[in-house]
Amino acid sequence: MPEQTIIELRILDTDFNLKAKDNEEQIRLISDYVNRELEGVKAANPFTNHIRIAILGCMNITEKFFAAQDEAKMSENEKMKEIGAINLIKEELGEANILFEKEKTKTNILAEEKDLLQNEIDEQNELLNQYREHLRQSKVESETNRKTILELQNQLFESQIELVKVNKNHIEKDIFKSIEDKIKID
């Protein structure tokens, strides 16, 4: 059991001895407060006896106590409202987090789909580039073949001309020979 000490107090010009357990400083603060209140009542009512001063002082202190209780209740009510508001915000935050996670999942799925589509586009572009290269090579080959065909046509044409010339010479020779033969016969 904690040790008790005796505290000497003075309230409204009257000395008191009070037993206290480890809360001497608190008791002195209360005693000083009560004494200030009673001295204030005495100063406002200098010709009133000590009992009336004590009663009025008790009423003043009780009034302040009730006001403090009301304020504490209002603070408690405000605290409860704030706790309710905080809980509501927590619920909304929880719902927002759930929505955020859903949207995050959707975003991840869309990112994966985008990557797949990009891979497909890259593959299609690669095929397109291969087809373009093939087409370019085909055009080069076609142009080369066209030139070769033109050269061959020119050669054929020149050969035909030569053939015609040779035939013409041959026909002329045959005609001249036939004429010569005719002349010789005549």
N, C-alpha and C. Protein backbone atom coordinates (compact mmCIF):
# COMPACT_ATOMS: atom_id res chain seq x y z
N MET A 1 0.84 -1.17 0.00
CA MET A 1 0.00 0.00 0.00
C MET A 1 0.88 1.23 0.00
N PRO A 2 0.57 2.22 -0.90
CA PRO A 2 1.41 3.41 -0.98
C PRO A 2 1.39 4.18 0.35
N GLU A 3 2.49 4.81 0.59
CA GLU A 3 2.65 5.57 1.84
C GLU A 3 1.87 6.87 1.77
N GLN A 4 1.18 7.23 2.86
CA GLN A 4 0.40 8.47 2.90
C GLN A 4 1.25 9.57 3.54
N THR A 5 1.07 10.76 2.97
CA THR A 5 1.74 11.93 3.53
C THR A 5 0.70 12.95 3.91
N ILE A 6 1.04 13.81 4.85
CA ILE A 6 0.11 14.85 5.27
C ILE A 6 0.54 16.15 4.61
N ILE A 7 -0.45 16.79 3.96
CA ILE A 7 -0.21 18.03 3.23
C ILE A 7 -0.91 19.16 3.97
N GLU A 8 -0.21 20.26 4.14
CA GLU A 8 -0.81 21.44 4.76
C GLU A 8 -1.29 22.36 3.66
N LEU A 9 -2.58 22.74 3.74
CA LEU A 9 -3.21 23.60 2.73
C LEU A 9 -3.83 24.81 3.42
N ARG A 10 -3.97 25.90 2.66
CA ARG A 10 -4.63 27.10 3.19
C ARG A 10 -5.64 27.54 2.14
N ILE A 11 -6.95 27.50 2.50
CA ILE A 11 -8.03 27.92 1.61
C ILE A 11 -8.87 28.94 2.36
N LEU A 12 -9.02 30.10 1.77
CA LEU A 12 -9.85 31.20 2.30
C LEU A 12 -9.47 31.50 3.77
N ASP A 13 -8.19 31.73 3.97
CA ASP A 13 -7.61 32.09 5.27
C ASP A 13 -7.82 31.00 6.32
N THR A 14 -8.05 29.77 5.92
CA THR A 14 -8.22 28.66 6.86
C THR A 14 -7.20 27.59 6.50
N ASP A 15 -6.49 27.06 7.53
CA ASP A 15 -5.48 26.03 7.32
C ASP A 15 -6.13 24.65 7.41
N PHE A 16 -5.68 23.74 6.54
CA PHE A 16 -6.17 22.36 6.52
C PHE A 16 -4.98 21.42 6.50
N ASN A 17 -5.14 20.26 7.08
CA ASN A 17 -4.18 19.16 6.93
C ASN A 17 -4.92 18.05 6.21
N LEU A 18 -4.27 17.51 5.18
CA LEU A 18 -4.93 16.51 4.33
C LEU A 18 -3.96 15.36 4.10
N LYS A 19 -4.47 14.11 4.19
CA LYS A 19 -3.66 12.94 3.90
C LYS A 19 -3.70 12.70 2.39
N ALA A 20 -2.52 12.39 1.81
CA ALA A 20 -2.42 12.17 0.35
C ALA A 20 -1.58 10.95 0.06
N LYS A 21 -1.92 10.29 -1.08
CA LYS A 21 -1.17 9.12 -1.55
C LYS A 21 -0.55 9.46 -2.91
N ASP A 22 0.71 9.73 -2.98
CA ASP A 22 1.47 9.92 -4.21
C ASP A 22 0.89 10.96 -5.18
N ASN A 23 -0.06 11.77 -4.76
CA ASN A 23 -0.62 12.77 -5.67
C ASN A 23 -0.61 14.15 -5.02
N GLU A 24 0.44 14.43 -4.28
CA GLU A 24 0.55 15.68 -3.54
C GLU A 24 0.51 16.89 -4.47
N GLU A 25 1.19 16.83 -5.57
CA GLU A 25 1.22 17.97 -6.49
C GLU A 25 -0.17 18.25 -7.06
N GLN A 26 -0.90 17.19 -7.42
CA GLN A 26 -2.26 17.33 -7.94
C GLN A 26 -3.17 17.98 -6.90
N ILE A 27 -3.04 17.54 -5.64
CA ILE A 27 -3.87 18.10 -4.57
C ILE A 27 -3.56 19.58 -4.39
N ARG A 28 -2.30 19.96 -4.44
CA ARG A 28 -1.92 21.37 -4.30
C ARG A 28 -2.51 22.20 -5.45
N LEU A 29 -2.50 21.65 -6.69
CA LEU A 29 -3.09 22.38 -7.83
C LEU A 29 -4.59 22.60 -7.61
N ILE A 30 -5.29 21.56 -7.14
CA ILE A 30 -6.73 21.68 -6.87
C ILE A 30 -6.98 22.69 -5.77
N SER A 31 -6.18 22.62 -4.69
CA SER A 31 -6.34 23.54 -3.56
C SER A 31 -6.13 24.98 -4.00
N ASP A 32 -5.12 25.23 -4.82
CA ASP A 32 -4.86 26.59 -5.32
C ASP A 32 -6.02 27.08 -6.18
N TYR A 33 -6.56 26.19 -7.01
CA TYR A 33 -7.69 26.57 -7.86
C TYR A 33 -8.91 26.94 -7.01
N VAL A 34 -9.26 26.08 -6.03
CA VAL A 34 -10.40 26.34 -5.15
C VAL A 34 -10.20 27.65 -4.40
N ASN A 35 -9.01 27.88 -3.89
CA ASN A 35 -8.72 29.10 -3.15
C ASN A 35 -8.89 30.33 -4.03
N ARG A 36 -8.43 30.26 -5.30
CA ARG A 36 -8.58 31.41 -6.22
C ARG A 36 -10.06 31.68 -6.48
N GLU A 37 -10.84 30.63 -6.68
CA GLU A 37 -12.27 30.80 -6.92
C GLU A 37 -12.95 31.46 -5.70
N LEU A 38 -12.65 30.94 -4.50
CA LEU A 38 -13.28 31.49 -3.29
C LEU A 38 -12.82 32.91 -3.03
N GLU A 39 -11.57 33.21 -3.27
CA GLU A 39 -11.08 34.58 -3.10
C GLU A 39 -11.77 35.51 -4.10
N GLY A 40 -12.04 35.01 -5.29
CA GLY A 40 -12.76 35.81 -6.29
C GLY A 40 -14.17 36.11 -5.83
N VAL A 41 -14.86 35.11 -5.25
CA VAL A 41 -16.22 35.32 -4.73
C VAL A 41 -16.17 36.31 -3.56
N LYS A 42 -15.17 36.16 -2.68
CA LYS A 42 -15.03 37.05 -1.52
C LYS A 42 -14.78 38.48 -1.98
N ALA A 43 -13.95 38.65 -3.00
CA ALA A 43 -13.65 40.00 -3.51
C ALA A 43 -14.91 40.63 -4.10
N ALA A 44 -15.75 39.81 -4.75
CA ALA A 44 -16.98 40.34 -5.34
C ALA A 44 -18.04 40.60 -4.28
N ASN A 45 -17.98 39.87 -3.17
CA ASN A 45 -18.96 40.00 -2.09
C ASN A 45 -18.19 40.16 -0.74
N PRO A 46 -17.60 41.32 -0.45
CA PRO A 46 -16.72 41.45 0.71
C PRO A 46 -17.43 41.31 2.06
N PHE A 47 -18.72 41.49 2.11
CA PHE A 47 -19.40 41.45 3.41
C PHE A 47 -20.18 40.15 3.60
N THR A 48 -19.91 39.13 2.81
CA THR A 48 -20.60 37.85 2.91
C THR A 48 -19.78 36.92 3.80
N ASN A 49 -20.49 36.07 4.58
CA ASN A 49 -19.76 35.15 5.47
C ASN A 49 -19.14 34.01 4.69
N HIS A 50 -18.25 33.25 5.40
CA HIS A 50 -17.46 32.20 4.76
C HIS A 50 -18.32 31.06 4.21
N ILE A 51 -19.44 30.76 4.87
CA ILE A 51 -20.31 29.68 4.39
C ILE A 51 -20.92 30.07 3.06
N ARG A 52 -21.41 31.28 2.96
CA ARG A 52 -22.01 31.73 1.69
C ARG A 52 -20.95 31.79 0.60
N ILE A 53 -19.74 32.26 0.98
CA ILE A 53 -18.64 32.32 0.00
C ILE A 53 -18.33 30.89 -0.49
N ALA A 54 -18.27 29.94 0.45
CA ALA A 54 -17.98 28.55 0.09
C ALA A 54 -19.07 28.00 -0.82
N ILE A 55 -20.34 28.29 -0.49
CA ILE A 55 -21.45 27.80 -1.32
C ILE A 55 -21.40 28.43 -2.70
N LEU A 56 -21.22 29.75 -2.77
CA LEU A 56 -21.15 30.41 -4.09
C LEU A 56 -19.94 29.91 -4.88
N GLY A 57 -18.82 29.73 -4.17
CA GLY A 57 -17.61 29.20 -4.84
C GLY A 57 -17.86 27.80 -5.38
N CYS A 58 -18.52 26.95 -4.55
CA CYS A 58 -18.86 25.59 -5.01
C CYS A 58 -19.77 25.65 -6.23
N MET A 59 -20.71 26.56 -6.21
CA MET A 59 -21.62 26.69 -7.35
C MET A 59 -20.85 27.13 -8.61
N ASN A 60 -19.93 28.09 -8.43
CA ASN A 60 -19.12 28.55 -9.58
C ASN A 60 -18.27 27.40 -10.13
N ILE A 61 -17.62 26.66 -9.22
CA ILE A 61 -16.78 25.53 -9.65
C ILE A 61 -17.65 24.46 -10.31
N THR A 62 -18.83 24.19 -9.73
CA THR A 62 -19.73 23.19 -10.30
C THR A 62 -20.22 23.63 -11.68
N GLU A 63 -20.52 24.92 -11.82
CA GLU A 63 -20.94 25.44 -13.12
C GLU A 63 -19.85 25.21 -14.16
N LYS A 64 -18.58 25.52 -13.76
CA LYS A 64 -17.46 25.30 -14.68
C LYS A 64 -17.30 23.80 -14.96
N PHE A 65 -17.53 22.98 -13.93
CA PHE A 65 -17.42 21.53 -14.10
C PHE A 65 -18.47 21.04 -15.11
N PHE A 66 -19.73 21.50 -14.94
CA PHE A 66 -20.79 21.10 -15.86
C PHE A 66 -20.50 21.59 -17.28
N ALA A 67 -20.00 22.83 -17.36
CA ALA A 67 -19.66 23.37 -18.69
C ALA A 67 -18.55 22.51 -19.32
N ALA A 68 -17.57 22.11 -18.48
CA ALA A 68 -16.49 21.26 -18.98
C ALA A 68 -17.03 19.89 -19.40
N GLN A 69 -18.00 19.37 -18.60
CA GLN A 69 -18.61 18.08 -18.97
C GLN A 69 -19.35 18.21 -20.29
N ASP A 70 -20.13 19.31 -20.43
CA ASP A 70 -20.86 19.51 -21.69
C ASP A 70 -19.88 19.62 -22.86
N GLU A 71 -18.82 20.36 -22.63
CA GLU A 71 -17.81 20.51 -23.68
C GLU A 71 -17.17 19.16 -24.00
N ALA A 72 -16.92 18.37 -22.92
CA ALA A 72 -16.34 17.04 -23.14
C ALA A 72 -17.31 16.16 -23.92
N LYS A 73 -18.63 16.26 -23.59
CA LYS A 73 -19.62 15.47 -24.33
C LYS A 73 -19.68 15.91 -25.79
N MET A 74 -19.66 17.26 -25.98
CA MET A 74 -19.68 17.75 -27.36
C MET A 74 -18.43 17.31 -28.10
N SER A 75 -17.29 17.35 -27.40
CA SER A 75 -16.05 16.89 -28.02
C SER A 75 -16.14 15.41 -28.34
N GLU A 76 -16.72 14.66 -27.41
CA GLU A 76 -16.89 13.22 -27.63
C GLU A 76 -17.82 12.97 -28.82
N ASN A 77 -18.92 13.75 -28.88
CA ASN A 77 -19.85 13.62 -30.02
C ASN A 77 -19.15 13.98 -31.33
N GLU A 78 -18.38 15.07 -31.30
CA GLU A 78 -17.63 15.47 -32.50
C GLU A 78 -16.63 14.38 -32.88
N LYS A 79 -15.99 13.84 -31.83
CA LYS A 79 -15.03 12.77 -32.06
C LYS A 79 -15.73 11.57 -32.70
N MET A 80 -16.92 11.23 -32.19
CA MET A 80 -17.66 10.10 -32.75
C MET A 80 -18.07 10.38 -34.20
N LYS A 81 -18.49 11.66 -34.46
CA LYS A 81 -18.85 12.02 -35.83
C LYS A 81 -17.62 11.90 -36.73
N GLU A 82 -16.48 12.40 -36.23
CA GLU A 82 -15.26 12.32 -37.02
C GLU A 82 -14.84 10.88 -37.24
N ILE A 83 -15.01 10.05 -36.19
CA ILE A 83 -14.69 8.62 -36.34
C ILE A 83 -15.62 8.00 -37.39
N GLY A 84 -16.91 8.39 -37.32
CA GLY A 84 -17.86 7.89 -38.33
C GLY A 84 -17.45 8.34 -39.72
N ALA A 85 -17.07 9.63 -39.82
CA ALA A 85 -16.64 10.15 -41.12
C ALA A 85 -15.37 9.43 -41.58
N ILE A 86 -14.46 9.20 -40.64
CA ILE A 86 -13.22 8.50 -40.99
C ILE A 86 -13.53 7.08 -41.44
N ASN A 87 -14.44 6.41 -40.71
CA ASN A 87 -14.82 5.04 -41.11
C ASN A 87 -15.46 5.03 -42.49
N LEU A 88 -16.31 6.05 -42.75
CA LEU A 88 -16.94 6.15 -44.07
C LEU A 88 -15.87 6.36 -45.13
N ILE A 89 -14.91 7.23 -44.83
CA ILE A 89 -13.83 7.48 -45.78
C ILE A 89 -13.01 6.21 -45.97
N LYS A 90 -12.79 5.46 -44.88
CA LYS A 90 -12.05 4.20 -44.99
C LYS A 90 -12.79 3.23 -45.90
N GLU A 91 -14.13 3.16 -45.73
CA GLU A 91 -14.93 2.27 -46.59
C GLU A 91 -14.81 2.71 -48.05
N GLU A 92 -14.97 4.03 -48.26
CA GLU A 92 -14.87 4.55 -49.63
C GLU A 92 -13.48 4.29 -50.19
N LEU A 93 -12.46 4.46 -49.34
CA LEU A 93 -11.09 4.20 -49.78
C LEU A 93 -10.91 2.72 -50.12
N GLY A 94 -11.52 1.86 -49.28
CA GLY A 94 -11.46 0.42 -49.58
C GLY A 94 -12.11 0.11 -50.91
N GLU A 95 -13.29 0.70 -51.14
CA GLU A 95 -13.99 0.49 -52.42
C GLU A 95 -13.16 1.05 -53.56
N ALA A 96 -12.56 2.23 -53.33
CA ALA A 96 -11.72 2.83 -54.37
C ALA A 96 -10.51 1.94 -54.65
N ASN A 97 -9.94 1.35 -53.60
CA ASN A 97 -8.80 0.45 -53.79
C ASN A 97 -9.21 -0.78 -54.60
N ILE A 98 -10.42 -1.30 -54.31
CA ILE A 98 -10.91 -2.45 -55.07
C ILE A 98 -11.06 -2.07 -56.53
N LEU A 99 -11.68 -0.90 -56.78
CA LEU A 99 -11.84 -0.43 -58.17
C LEU A 99 -10.48 -0.22 -58.82
N PHE A 100 -9.55 0.35 -58.04
CA PHE A 100 -8.21 0.60 -58.56
C PHE A 100 -7.56 -0.72 -58.96
N GLU A 101 -7.68 -1.73 -58.10
CA GLU A 101 -7.08 -3.03 -58.41
C GLU A 101 -7.72 -3.64 -59.66
N LYS A 102 -9.06 -3.50 -59.77
CA LYS A 102 -9.74 -4.01 -60.97
C LYS A 102 -9.22 -3.29 -62.21
N GLU A 103 -9.12 -1.96 -62.12
CA GLU A 103 -8.64 -1.18 -63.26
C GLU A 103 -7.18 -1.52 -63.56
N LYS A 104 -6.42 -1.76 -62.51
CA LYS A 104 -5.01 -2.13 -62.69
C LYS A 104 -4.93 -3.47 -63.42
N THR A 105 -5.80 -4.41 -63.03
CA THR A 105 -5.84 -5.71 -63.69
C THR A 105 -6.23 -5.53 -65.16
N LYS A 106 -7.27 -4.71 -65.40
CA LYS A 106 -7.69 -4.45 -66.79
C LYS A 106 -6.54 -3.82 -67.58
N THR A 107 -5.84 -2.88 -66.94
CA THR A 107 -4.72 -2.22 -67.61
C THR A 107 -3.63 -3.22 -67.95
N ASN A 108 -3.35 -4.14 -67.01
CA ASN A 108 -2.34 -5.16 -67.28
C ASN A 108 -2.76 -6.06 -68.43
N ILE A 109 -4.05 -6.45 -68.44
CA ILE A 109 -4.56 -7.29 -69.52
C ILE A 109 -4.44 -6.55 -70.85
N LEU A 110 -4.84 -5.26 -70.84
CA LEU A 110 -4.74 -4.47 -72.07
C LEU A 110 -3.28 -4.32 -72.52
N ALA A 111 -2.38 -4.17 -71.55
CA ALA A 111 -0.96 -4.05 -71.90
C ALA A 111 -0.47 -5.35 -72.54
N GLU A 112 -0.90 -6.49 -71.99
CA GLU A 112 -0.51 -7.77 -72.58
C GLU A 112 -1.09 -7.92 -73.99
N GLU A 113 -2.38 -7.53 -74.14
CA GLU A 113 -3.00 -7.59 -75.47
C GLU A 113 -2.27 -6.66 -76.44
N LYS A 114 -1.90 -5.49 -75.95
CA LYS A 114 -1.17 -4.54 -76.79
C LYS A 114 0.15 -5.14 -77.24
N ASP A 115 0.85 -5.80 -76.29
CA ASP A 115 2.12 -6.43 -76.64
C ASP A 115 1.92 -7.53 -77.68
N LEU A 116 0.85 -8.34 -77.50
CA LEU A 116 0.57 -9.39 -78.48
C LEU A 116 0.26 -8.79 -79.85
N LEU A 117 -0.57 -7.74 -79.84
CA LEU A 117 -0.90 -7.09 -81.12
C LEU A 117 0.34 -6.46 -81.75
N GLN A 118 1.19 -5.88 -80.91
CA GLN A 118 2.42 -5.28 -81.45
C GLN A 118 3.30 -6.36 -82.07
N ASN A 119 3.36 -7.53 -81.41
CA ASN A 119 4.14 -8.64 -81.97
C ASN A 119 3.56 -9.07 -83.31
N GLU A 120 2.21 -9.15 -83.38
CA GLU A 120 1.57 -9.51 -84.65
C GLU A 120 1.87 -8.47 -85.72
N ILE A 121 1.79 -7.20 -85.34
CA ILE A 121 2.09 -6.12 -86.29
C ILE A 121 3.54 -6.23 -86.77
N ASP A 122 4.44 -6.50 -85.83
CA ASP A 122 5.85 -6.64 -86.20
C ASP A 122 6.04 -7.81 -87.17
N GLU A 123 5.36 -8.94 -86.89
CA GLU A 123 5.45 -10.09 -87.79
C GLU A 123 4.88 -9.76 -89.16
N GLN A 124 3.72 -9.07 -89.18
CA GLN A 124 3.10 -8.69 -90.45
C GLN A 124 4.00 -7.71 -91.21
N ASN A 125 4.62 -6.79 -90.47
CA ASN A 125 5.53 -5.84 -91.12
C ASN A 125 6.75 -6.58 -91.70
N GLU A 126 7.23 -7.58 -90.98
CA GLU A 126 8.35 -8.38 -91.48
C GLU A 126 7.95 -9.11 -92.77
N LEU A 127 6.75 -9.71 -92.74
CA LEU A 127 6.25 -10.37 -93.96
C LEU A 127 6.09 -9.37 -95.10
N LEU A 128 5.53 -8.21 -94.76
CA LEU A 128 5.34 -7.17 -95.77
C LEU A 128 6.68 -6.74 -96.36
N ASN A 129 7.68 -6.60 -95.50
CA ASN A 129 9.01 -6.22 -95.99
C ASN A 129 9.59 -7.33 -96.87
N GLN A 130 9.34 -8.60 -96.49
CA GLN A 130 9.81 -9.71 -97.32
C GLN A 130 9.11 -9.69 -98.69
N TYR A 131 7.78 -9.45 -98.67
CA TYR A 131 7.04 -9.37 -99.93
C TYR A 131 7.52 -8.19 -100.76
N ARG A 132 7.79 -7.09 -100.14
CA ARG A 132 8.29 -5.91 -100.87
C ARG A 132 9.65 -6.23 -101.51
N GLU A 133 10.52 -6.89 -100.74
CA GLU A 133 11.83 -7.26 -101.27
C GLU A 133 11.68 -8.24 -102.43
N HIS A 134 10.77 -9.21 -102.24
CA HIS A 134 10.51 -10.17 -103.32
C HIS A 134 9.97 -9.45 -104.55
N LEU A 135 9.05 -8.53 -104.34
CA LEU A 135 8.47 -7.76 -105.44
C LEU A 135 9.56 -6.93 -106.13
N ARG A 136 10.42 -6.32 -105.33
CA ARG A 136 11.51 -5.51 -105.90
C ARG A 136 12.42 -6.40 -106.75
N GLN A 137 12.75 -7.58 -106.22
CA GLN A 137 13.60 -8.51 -106.98
C GLN A 137 12.89 -8.96 -108.25
N SER A 138 11.58 -9.20 -108.11
CA SER A 138 10.80 -9.62 -109.29
C SER A 138 10.78 -8.51 -110.34
N LYS A 139 10.68 -7.29 -109.90
CA LYS A 139 10.69 -6.16 -110.85
C LYS A 139 12.04 -6.07 -111.54
N VAL A 140 13.10 -6.26 -110.72
CA VAL A 140 14.45 -6.22 -111.32
C VAL A 140 14.59 -7.33 -112.34
N GLU A 141 14.16 -8.54 -111.96
CA GLU A 141 14.22 -9.67 -112.89
C GLU A 141 13.36 -9.42 -114.12
N SER A 142 12.18 -8.87 -113.89
CA SER A 142 11.28 -8.57 -115.01
C SER A 142 11.91 -7.57 -115.96
N GLU A 143 12.52 -6.54 -115.37
CA GLU A 143 13.18 -5.52 -116.21
C GLU A 143 14.34 -6.15 -116.97
N THR A 144 15.09 -7.00 -116.29
CA THR A 144 16.20 -7.68 -116.95
C THR A 144 15.67 -8.58 -118.07
N ASN A 145 14.61 -9.31 -117.77
CA ASN A 145 14.00 -10.18 -118.80
C ASN A 145 13.45 -9.36 -119.95
N ARG A 146 12.84 -8.24 -119.65
CA ARG A 146 12.31 -7.37 -120.72
C ARG A 146 13.44 -6.89 -121.62
N LYS A 147 14.56 -6.49 -120.99
CA LYS A 147 15.70 -6.03 -121.79
C LYS A 147 16.25 -7.18 -122.63
N THR A 148 16.31 -8.36 -122.01
CA THR A 148 16.81 -9.52 -122.75
C THR A 148 15.89 -9.83 -123.92
N ILE A 149 14.57 -9.77 -123.66
CA ILE A 149 13.60 -10.02 -124.74
C ILE A 149 13.77 -8.98 -125.84
N LEU A 150 13.93 -7.73 -125.47
CA LEU A 150 14.12 -6.68 -126.48
C LEU A 150 15.40 -6.93 -127.29
N GLU A 151 16.46 -7.31 -126.58
CA GLU A 151 17.72 -7.60 -127.28
C GLU A 151 17.53 -8.78 -128.24
N LEU A 152 16.81 -9.82 -127.71
CA LEU A 152 16.57 -10.98 -128.57
C LEU A 152 15.69 -10.62 -129.76
N GLN A 153 14.69 -9.77 -129.53
CA GLN A 153 13.84 -9.32 -130.64
C GLN A 153 14.67 -8.54 -131.66
N ASN A 154 15.55 -7.69 -131.14
CA ASN A 154 16.42 -6.92 -132.06
C ASN A 154 17.33 -7.86 -132.86
N GLN A 155 17.86 -8.86 -132.16
CA GLN A 155 18.72 -9.82 -132.85
C GLN A 155 17.92 -10.59 -133.89
N LEU A 156 16.69 -10.99 -133.49
CA LEU A 156 15.84 -11.70 -134.44
C LEU A 156 15.53 -10.82 -135.65
N PHE A 157 15.21 -9.58 -135.37
CA PHE A 157 14.90 -8.65 -136.45
C PHE A 157 16.12 -8.48 -137.37
N GLU A 158 17.29 -8.32 -136.76
CA GLU A 158 18.50 -8.18 -137.55
C GLU A 158 18.78 -9.47 -138.34
N SER A 159 18.50 -10.60 -137.68
CA SER A 159 18.70 -11.88 -138.38
C SER A 159 17.74 -12.00 -139.56
N GLN A 160 16.52 -11.56 -139.34
CA GLN A 160 15.54 -11.60 -140.43
C GLN A 160 15.98 -10.70 -141.57
N ILE A 161 16.47 -9.54 -141.19
CA ILE A 161 16.95 -8.62 -142.24
C ILE A 161 18.10 -9.28 -143.02
N GLU A 162 19.02 -9.89 -142.31
CA GLU A 162 20.15 -10.55 -142.93
C GLU A 162 19.66 -11.69 -143.84
N LEU A 163 18.65 -12.40 -143.28
CA LEU A 163 18.11 -13.50 -144.06
C LEU A 163 17.46 -12.98 -145.34
N VAL A 164 16.73 -11.90 -145.17
CA VAL A 164 16.10 -11.32 -146.36
C VAL A 164 17.19 -10.88 -147.35
N LYS A 165 18.23 -10.28 -146.83
CA LYS A 165 19.32 -9.83 -147.70
C LYS A 165 19.97 -11.03 -148.41
N VAL A 166 20.19 -12.04 -147.62
CA VAL A 166 20.83 -13.23 -148.19
C VAL A 166 19.90 -13.86 -149.24
N ASN A 167 18.61 -13.92 -148.88
CA ASN A 167 17.63 -14.48 -149.83
C ASN A 167 17.57 -13.62 -151.09
N LYS A 168 17.60 -12.34 -150.86
CA LYS A 168 17.54 -11.43 -152.01
C LYS A 168 18.77 -11.63 -152.89
N ASN A 169 19.89 -11.72 -152.24
CA ASN A 169 21.13 -11.96 -153.02
C ASN A 169 21.06 -13.32 -153.72
N HIS A 170 20.57 -14.26 -153.01
CA HIS A 170 20.47 -15.59 -153.58
C HIS A 170 19.49 -15.59 -154.76
N ILE A 171 18.35 -14.93 -154.58
CA ILE A 171 17.36 -14.84 -155.65
C ILE A 171 17.96 -14.08 -156.84
N GLU A 172 18.65 -13.01 -156.53
CA GLU A 172 19.27 -12.23 -157.61
C GLU A 172 20.30 -13.08 -158.35
N LYS A 173 21.05 -13.82 -157.58
CA LYS A 173 22.06 -14.67 -158.19
C LYS A 173 21.38 -15.74 -159.06
N ASP A 174 20.28 -16.27 -158.51
CA ASP A 174 19.56 -17.30 -159.26
C ASP A 174 18.99 -16.69 -160.56
N ILE A 175 18.50 -15.49 -160.42
CA ILE A 175 17.92 -14.83 -161.59
C ILE A 175 19.03 -14.55 -162.61
N PHE A 176 20.13 -14.01 -162.09
CA PHE A 176 21.25 -13.72 -162.99
C PHE A 176 21.79 -15.02 -163.63
N LYS A 177 21.80 -16.03 -162.85
CA LYS A 177 22.29 -17.30 -163.36
C LYS A 177 21.31 -17.83 -164.40
N SER A 178 20.07 -17.73 -164.09
CA SER A 178 19.07 -18.20 -165.03
C SER A 178 19.16 -17.38 -166.33
N ILE A 179 19.38 -16.08 -166.18
CA ILE A 179 19.52 -15.22 -167.36
C ILE A 179 20.80 -15.62 -168.09
N GLU A 180 21.80 -15.84 -167.38
CA GLU A 180 23.08 -16.24 -167.97
C GLU A 180 22.90 -17.58 -168.69
N ASP A 181 22.19 -18.44 -168.00
CA ASP A 181 21.97 -19.75 -168.58
C ASP A 181 21.11 -19.59 -169.87
N LYS A 182 20.23 -18.71 -169.82
CA LYS A 182 19.40 -18.46 -170.97
C LYS A 182 20.21 -17.82 -172.08
N ILE A 183 21.02 -16.98 -171.72
CA ILE A 183 21.86 -16.32 -172.70
C ILE A 183 22.82 -17.37 -173.27
N LYS A 184 23.29 -18.17 -172.52
CA LYS A 184 24.23 -19.18 -172.98
C LYS A 184 23.47 -20.15 -173.89
N ILE A 185 22.35 -20.42 -173.63
CA ILE A 185 21.56 -21.34 -174.41
C ILE A 185 21.21 -20.61 -175.73
N ASP A 186 21.04 -19.48 -175.72
CA ASP A 186 20.64 -18.77 -176.93
C ASP A 186 21.91 -18.48 -177.65
